[in-house]
Amino acid sequence: MRRAFVPPADTLIAFECAARHLSFTRAAEELHLTQGAISKQVRQLEDRLGVELFRRVRQRIVLTDAGRLYLHDIRGALEQMTAATRQVMSYAGSADVLNLAVLPTFGTRWLAPRLAGFARRYPDAGLNLSVRLQPFDFGEEPFDGAIHHGDPVWAGAIAEHLFDEEVIPVASRAFRDRHEIRSPMDLVRVPRLQLATRPFAWRQWFDLAGVETDAAFQGARFEQFVMISEAAIHHAGAALIPRFFVEAELSSGRLVRLFDLSVQQQSAYYFVYPEGRTMRPVVSAFRQWLMEEARAARTARDTMLPG
């Protein structure tokens, strides 16, 4: 019964291509077919569905209301099929593949630079990284684990601690010198960069510093730490960023730590993986490697002098 409702893939591809170009001719060129073949496939699809998808108007085609609705859904389905195909192709040549959901800044700034070490330890493993910002159901998503920020609570999963979140005030050296920042009070009068997911960060830092101000929530807002750190590097303002995200920038001098005062957030970073099932060897190997890397990073952080 299910197959009876699914049109052949070639007719769906022909429809999507013709709809995208609003031209059978251009669709034929893209798919390396004749215009007649595209027209025939679209007609077969319309006959199968029992609705008109295109209307012919003065030697051109336009989508009907039904066609626009169908295009929206079919385009999403084709994209999912493409993604699924690419993912399963990534298994070629690998004894095992790890599918991991990561937070974008964590993945970009901390995890990615270290992955060569995992590859050396587990050379036969494949690795697929995808971005997820919120917890999900491991029973419904094809992931073996995830990097999670927040509380150690994830339905159906075990959470292992990686890092606490110590937030420090940073800026470029040029910004600090130009604005003559010498005391916490000076940060009230300079541009400050805000992170949308940490709206109270500056309020907490000013409270800890004993600075009274009504301007703690003012400043340009950014969605991710990677954006806010780049803005700070390029002199756009002072920022509050987790220390372990900017260790390289502090070491190189691209950013400087403005004051030793830091805010210790209650939330932390965790590696989470499904409970109730034995971890596959590649997941176990990744977990062990990740925990070792996090422990080494924490040790290095604790011995690092303020930047």
Protein backbone atom coordinates (compact mmCIF):
# COMPACT_ATOMS: atom_id res chain seq x y z
CA MET A 1 0.00 0.00 0.00
CA ARG A 2 2.82 2.42 0.88
CA ARG A 3 4.60 1.89 -2.44
CA ALA A 4 1.41 2.64 -4.33
CA PHE A 5 1.55 6.24 -3.11
CA VAL A 6 5.22 6.83 -3.92
CA PRO A 7 5.89 8.03 -7.49
CA PRO A 8 9.08 6.89 -9.24
CA ALA A 9 12.14 8.88 -8.15
CA ASP A 10 12.97 10.01 -11.69
CA THR A 11 9.59 11.72 -12.06
CA LEU A 12 10.04 13.52 -8.73
CA ILE A 13 13.52 14.68 -9.72
CA ALA A 14 12.24 15.89 -13.09
CA PHE A 15 9.38 17.78 -11.40
CA GLU A 16 11.66 19.43 -8.81
CA CYS A 17 14.15 20.51 -11.46
CA ALA A 18 11.48 21.88 -13.80
CA ALA A 19 9.81 23.69 -10.90
CA ARG A 20 13.09 25.21 -9.77
CA HIS A 21 13.87 26.55 -13.24
CA LEU A 22 10.25 27.02 -14.34
CA SER A 23 11.47 25.60 -17.61
CA PHE A 24 11.38 22.12 -19.14
CA THR A 25 14.27 23.11 -21.39
CA ARG A 26 16.62 24.12 -18.58
CA ALA A 27 15.59 21.07 -16.54
CA ALA A 28 16.44 18.85 -19.52
CA GLU A 29 19.87 20.50 -19.80
CA GLU A 30 20.60 19.98 -16.10
CA LEU A 31 19.47 16.35 -16.09
CA HIS A 32 20.98 15.55 -19.50
CA LEU A 33 17.63 14.53 -20.96
CA THR A 34 15.48 15.81 -23.79
CA GLN A 35 12.77 18.40 -23.24
CA GLY A 36 10.24 15.81 -24.36
CA ALA A 37 11.45 13.36 -21.71
CA ILE A 38 11.02 15.96 -18.94
CA SER A 39 7.57 16.88 -20.20
CA LYS A 40 6.56 13.21 -20.33
CA GLN A 41 7.78 12.53 -16.78
CA VAL A 42 5.93 15.55 -15.40
CA ARG A 43 2.76 14.51 -17.26
CA GLN A 44 3.05 10.98 -15.85
CA LEU A 45 3.43 12.44 -12.36
CA GLU A 46 0.36 14.66 -12.82
CA ASP A 47 -1.65 11.68 -14.09
CA ARG A 48 -0.55 9.62 -11.09
CA LEU A 49 -1.45 12.35 -8.60
CA GLY A 50 -4.62 13.38 -10.37
CA VAL A 51 -3.75 17.09 -10.09
CA GLU A 52 -2.21 19.68 -12.37
CA LEU A 53 1.22 20.77 -11.13
CA PHE A 54 2.07 23.25 -13.89
CA ARG A 55 -0.03 25.61 -15.93
CA ARG A 56 1.15 26.49 -19.43
CA VAL A 57 0.90 30.25 -19.98
CA ARG A 58 2.13 31.84 -23.21
CA GLN A 59 4.92 29.36 -23.97
CA ARG A 60 6.11 29.23 -20.37
CA ILE A 61 5.17 27.20 -17.32
CA VAL A 62 4.06 28.37 -13.88
CA LEU A 63 3.36 26.31 -10.78
CA THR A 64 -0.22 25.80 -9.69
CA ASP A 65 -1.11 26.11 -6.00
CA ALA A 66 -0.93 22.33 -5.75
CA GLY A 67 2.42 22.39 -7.53
CA ARG A 68 3.89 24.93 -5.10
CA LEU A 69 2.76 22.90 -2.12
CA TYR A 70 4.07 19.66 -3.59
CA LEU A 71 7.40 21.27 -4.50
CA HIS A 72 7.93 22.40 -0.90
CA ASP A 73 7.43 18.89 0.48
CA ILE A 74 9.21 17.01 -2.30
CA ARG A 75 12.26 19.28 -2.13
CA GLY A 76 12.64 18.49 1.55
CA ALA A 77 12.25 14.78 0.91
CA LEU A 78 14.85 14.80 -1.86
CA GLU A 79 17.29 16.69 0.36
CA GLN A 80 16.81 14.09 3.09
CA MET A 81 17.39 11.29 0.60
CA THR A 82 20.56 12.99 -0.62
CA ALA A 83 21.85 13.49 2.91
CA ALA A 84 21.06 9.88 3.84
CA THR A 85 22.86 8.62 0.73
CA ARG A 86 25.95 10.70 1.44
CA GLN A 87 26.00 9.53 5.03
CA VAL A 88 25.83 5.86 4.18
CA MET A 89 28.52 6.37 1.51
CA SER A 90 30.79 7.70 4.25
CA TYR A 91 30.89 4.16 5.68
CA ALA A 92 32.90 2.97 2.68
CA GLY A 93 36.45 2.07 3.69
CA SER A 94 35.76 2.40 7.43
CA ALA A 95 35.46 -0.47 9.87
CA ASP A 96 33.16 1.63 12.04
CA VAL A 97 31.58 5.07 11.84
CA LEU A 98 30.84 7.43 14.71
CA ASN A 99 27.86 9.75 14.27
CA LEU A 100 28.20 12.67 16.66
CA ALA A 101 26.01 15.70 17.34
CA VAL A 102 28.02 18.76 18.41
CA LEU A 103 27.49 22.35 19.41
CA PRO A 104 28.85 24.60 16.64
CA THR A 105 31.41 26.62 18.61
CA PHE A 106 32.58 23.62 20.62
CA GLY A 107 32.97 21.65 17.41
CA THR A 108 34.79 24.42 15.59
CA ARG A 109 37.02 25.87 18.27
CA TRP A 110 37.80 22.95 20.59
CA LEU A 111 36.96 19.57 19.05
CA ALA A 112 37.99 19.93 15.39
CA PRO A 113 41.63 20.95 16.10
CA ARG A 114 42.06 17.79 18.19
CA LEU A 115 40.43 15.22 15.90
CA ALA A 116 43.70 14.24 14.26
CA GLY A 117 44.65 12.68 17.59
CA PHE A 118 41.55 10.50 17.56
CA ALA A 119 42.25 9.50 13.96
CA ARG A 120 45.74 8.37 14.93
CA ARG A 121 44.38 6.29 17.81
CA TYR A 122 41.50 4.77 15.83
CA PRO A 123 42.61 4.93 12.17
CA ASP A 124 39.86 2.65 10.85
CA ALA A 125 37.03 4.80 12.21
CA GLY A 126 34.85 7.07 10.14
CA LEU A 127 33.44 10.24 11.67
CA ASN A 128 30.28 12.19 10.89
CA LEU A 129 29.70 15.45 12.76
CA SER A 130 26.37 17.28 12.69
CA VAL A 131 25.21 20.39 14.52
CA ARG A 132 22.46 20.11 17.11
CA LEU A 133 21.67 22.95 19.49
CA GLN A 134 19.05 21.23 21.64
CA PRO A 135 18.71 17.78 23.24
CA PHE A 136 17.01 15.17 21.06
CA ASP A 137 15.75 11.60 21.31
CA PHE A 138 18.53 9.13 20.57
CA GLY A 139 15.83 6.66 19.58
CA GLU A 140 14.75 8.92 16.73
CA GLU A 141 18.07 10.44 15.62
CA PRO A 142 20.97 8.43 14.13
CA PHE A 143 23.59 9.62 16.64
CA ASP A 144 25.94 7.62 18.85
CA GLY A 145 26.64 10.55 21.16
CA ALA A 146 26.43 14.30 21.55
CA ILE A 147 28.20 17.27 23.09
CA HIS A 148 25.73 18.94 25.43
CA HIS A 149 25.82 22.24 27.33
CA GLY A 150 23.55 22.75 30.30
CA ASP A 151 22.60 20.45 33.16
CA PRO A 152 23.63 16.76 33.27
CA VAL A 153 20.10 15.77 32.34
CA TRP A 154 19.23 14.17 28.99
CA ALA A 155 16.33 11.75 28.69
CA GLY A 156 17.53 8.22 28.00
CA ALA A 157 21.22 9.16 28.04
CA ILE A 158 24.26 9.14 30.31
CA ALA A 159 26.06 12.49 30.74
CA GLU A 160 29.78 12.63 31.51
CA HIS A 161 31.32 15.92 32.57
CA LEU A 162 33.86 17.59 30.27
CA PHE A 163 34.20 21.21 31.38
CA ASP A 164 32.69 23.74 33.68
CA GLU A 165 32.05 27.05 32.00
CA GLU A 166 34.36 29.77 33.35
CA VAL A 167 33.50 32.99 31.54
CA ILE A 168 36.16 35.70 31.29
CA PRO A 169 36.16 39.26 29.91
CA VAL A 170 38.31 39.64 26.78
CA ALA A 171 38.98 42.16 24.04
CA SER A 172 41.64 42.93 21.49
CA ARG A 173 44.72 44.69 22.83
CA ALA A 174 44.04 47.63 20.52
CA PHE A 175 40.47 47.96 21.84
CA ARG A 176 41.66 47.83 25.45
CA ASP A 177 44.33 50.47 24.87
CA ARG A 178 42.15 52.76 22.75
CA HIS A 179 39.41 52.84 25.39
CA GLU A 180 41.89 53.01 28.28
CA ILE A 181 40.29 50.11 30.13
CA ARG A 182 41.92 49.96 33.56
CA SER A 183 39.11 49.03 35.96
CA PRO A 184 35.86 47.04 35.75
CA MET A 185 33.92 50.31 35.86
CA ASP A 186 35.50 51.27 32.52
CA LEU A 187 33.58 48.45 30.82
CA VAL A 188 30.31 50.26 31.46
CA ARG A 189 31.19 52.99 28.95
CA VAL A 190 32.62 50.86 26.11
CA PRO A 191 30.85 48.70 23.50
CA ARG A 192 30.09 45.28 24.92
CA LEU A 193 29.21 42.18 22.92
CA GLN A 194 26.26 40.10 24.09
CA LEU A 195 25.53 36.41 23.51
CA ALA A 196 21.85 35.69 22.92
CA THR A 197 21.97 32.42 24.87
CA ARG A 198 23.70 34.04 27.87
CA PRO A 199 21.61 37.23 28.30
CA PHE A 200 22.57 37.73 31.97
CA ALA A 201 26.33 37.21 31.56
CA TRP A 202 27.35 40.85 31.79
CA ARG A 203 24.87 41.48 34.59
CA GLN A 204 26.45 38.64 36.59
CA TRP A 205 29.97 39.84 35.89
CA PHE A 206 29.24 43.43 36.89
CA ASP A 207 27.56 42.21 40.09
CA LEU A 208 30.63 40.12 40.90
CA ALA A 209 32.85 43.12 40.23
CA GLY A 210 30.75 45.35 42.48
CA VAL A 211 29.80 47.64 39.59
CA GLU A 212 26.32 49.14 39.62
CA THR A 213 24.93 49.89 36.16
CA ASP A 214 21.66 49.84 34.27
CA ALA A 215 23.49 49.23 30.98
CA ALA A 216 24.46 45.57 31.49
CA PHE A 217 22.11 44.35 28.75
CA GLN A 218 23.20 46.88 26.12
CA GLY A 219 25.37 45.89 23.16
CA ALA A 220 25.36 44.05 19.87
CA ARG A 221 23.91 40.54 20.13
CA PHE A 222 25.32 37.37 18.59
CA GLU A 223 23.98 33.82 18.30
CA GLN A 224 27.25 31.91 18.80
CA PHE A 225 30.54 32.24 20.65
CA VAL A 226 32.50 31.83 17.42
CA MET A 227 30.83 35.00 16.09
CA ILE A 228 31.34 37.00 19.25
CA SER A 229 35.01 36.02 19.55
CA GLU A 230 35.72 37.05 15.94
CA ALA A 231 34.00 40.37 16.58
CA ALA A 232 36.14 40.91 19.69
CA ILE A 233 39.33 40.01 17.81
CA HIS A 234 38.46 42.68 15.24
CA HIS A 235 38.02 45.39 17.89
CA ALA A 236 34.20 45.50 17.93
CA GLY A 237 33.92 45.40 21.72
CA ALA A 238 34.56 43.60 24.98
CA ALA A 239 33.14 40.09 25.28
CA LEU A 240 32.48 37.46 27.94
CA ILE A 241 33.60 34.08 26.55
CA PRO A 242 34.34 30.68 28.12
CA ARG A 243 38.03 30.55 28.78
CA PHE A 244 38.69 27.26 27.02
CA PHE A 245 37.20 28.61 23.76
CA VAL A 246 39.78 31.41 23.50
CA GLU A 247 42.95 29.82 24.90
CA ALA A 248 44.67 29.96 21.50
CA GLU A 249 43.73 33.61 21.00
CA LEU A 250 44.98 34.50 24.47
CA SER A 251 48.26 32.68 23.84
CA SER A 252 48.77 34.39 20.48
CA GLY A 253 47.79 37.84 21.74
CA ARG A 254 44.85 38.21 19.38
CA LEU A 255 42.77 38.64 22.52
CA VAL A 256 43.75 39.73 26.01
CA ARG A 257 42.04 38.98 29.28
CA LEU A 258 40.87 42.28 30.67
CA PHE A 259 40.57 41.28 34.34
CA ASP A 260 41.21 38.18 36.43
CA LEU A 261 37.62 38.22 37.64
CA SER A 262 35.56 35.42 36.05
CA VAL A 263 32.03 34.09 36.32
CA GLN A 264 31.67 30.39 37.06
CA GLN A 265 28.46 29.29 35.38
CA GLN A 266 26.28 26.58 36.91
CA SER A 267 25.92 24.96 33.47
CA ALA A 268 28.70 22.80 32.03
CA TYR A 269 29.69 20.78 28.96
CA TYR A 270 29.01 17.05 28.83
CA PHE A 271 29.50 14.09 26.53
CA VAL A 272 26.19 12.23 26.40
CA TYR A 273 25.41 8.83 24.92
CA PRO A 274 22.40 6.51 24.99
CA GLU A 275 21.87 4.39 28.07
CA GLY A 276 20.49 0.88 28.03
CA ARG A 277 22.68 -0.31 25.18
CA THR A 278 26.29 -1.45 24.96
CA MET A 279 28.49 1.19 23.42
CA ARG A 280 30.02 0.19 20.11
CA PRO A 281 33.84 -0.02 20.10
CA VAL A 282 34.19 3.24 18.17
CA VAL A 283 31.94 5.05 20.67
CA SER A 284 33.86 3.62 23.61
CA ALA A 285 37.17 4.61 22.01
CA PHE A 286 35.92 8.12 21.29
CA ARG A 287 34.59 8.52 24.83
CA GLN A 288 37.92 7.46 26.35
CA TRP A 289 39.88 9.75 24.03
CA LEU A 290 37.53 12.69 24.61
CA MET A 291 37.68 12.39 28.40
CA GLU A 292 41.48 12.28 28.26
CA GLU A 293 41.59 15.37 26.05
CA ALA A 294 39.21 17.24 28.35
CA ARG A 295 41.25 16.28 31.41
CA ALA A 296 44.49 17.44 29.74
CA ALA A 297 42.83 20.71 28.69
CA ARG A 298 41.57 21.33 32.23
CA THR A 299 45.07 20.73 33.60
CA ALA A 300 46.60 23.09 31.08
CA ARG A 301 43.95 25.70 31.84
CA ASP A 302 44.57 25.52 35.57
CA THR A 303 48.30 26.09 35.09
CA MET A 304 47.93 28.85 32.52
CA LEU A 305 48.68 32.37 33.68
CA PRO A 306 45.93 34.94 33.03
CA GLY A 307 46.21 36.38 29.52
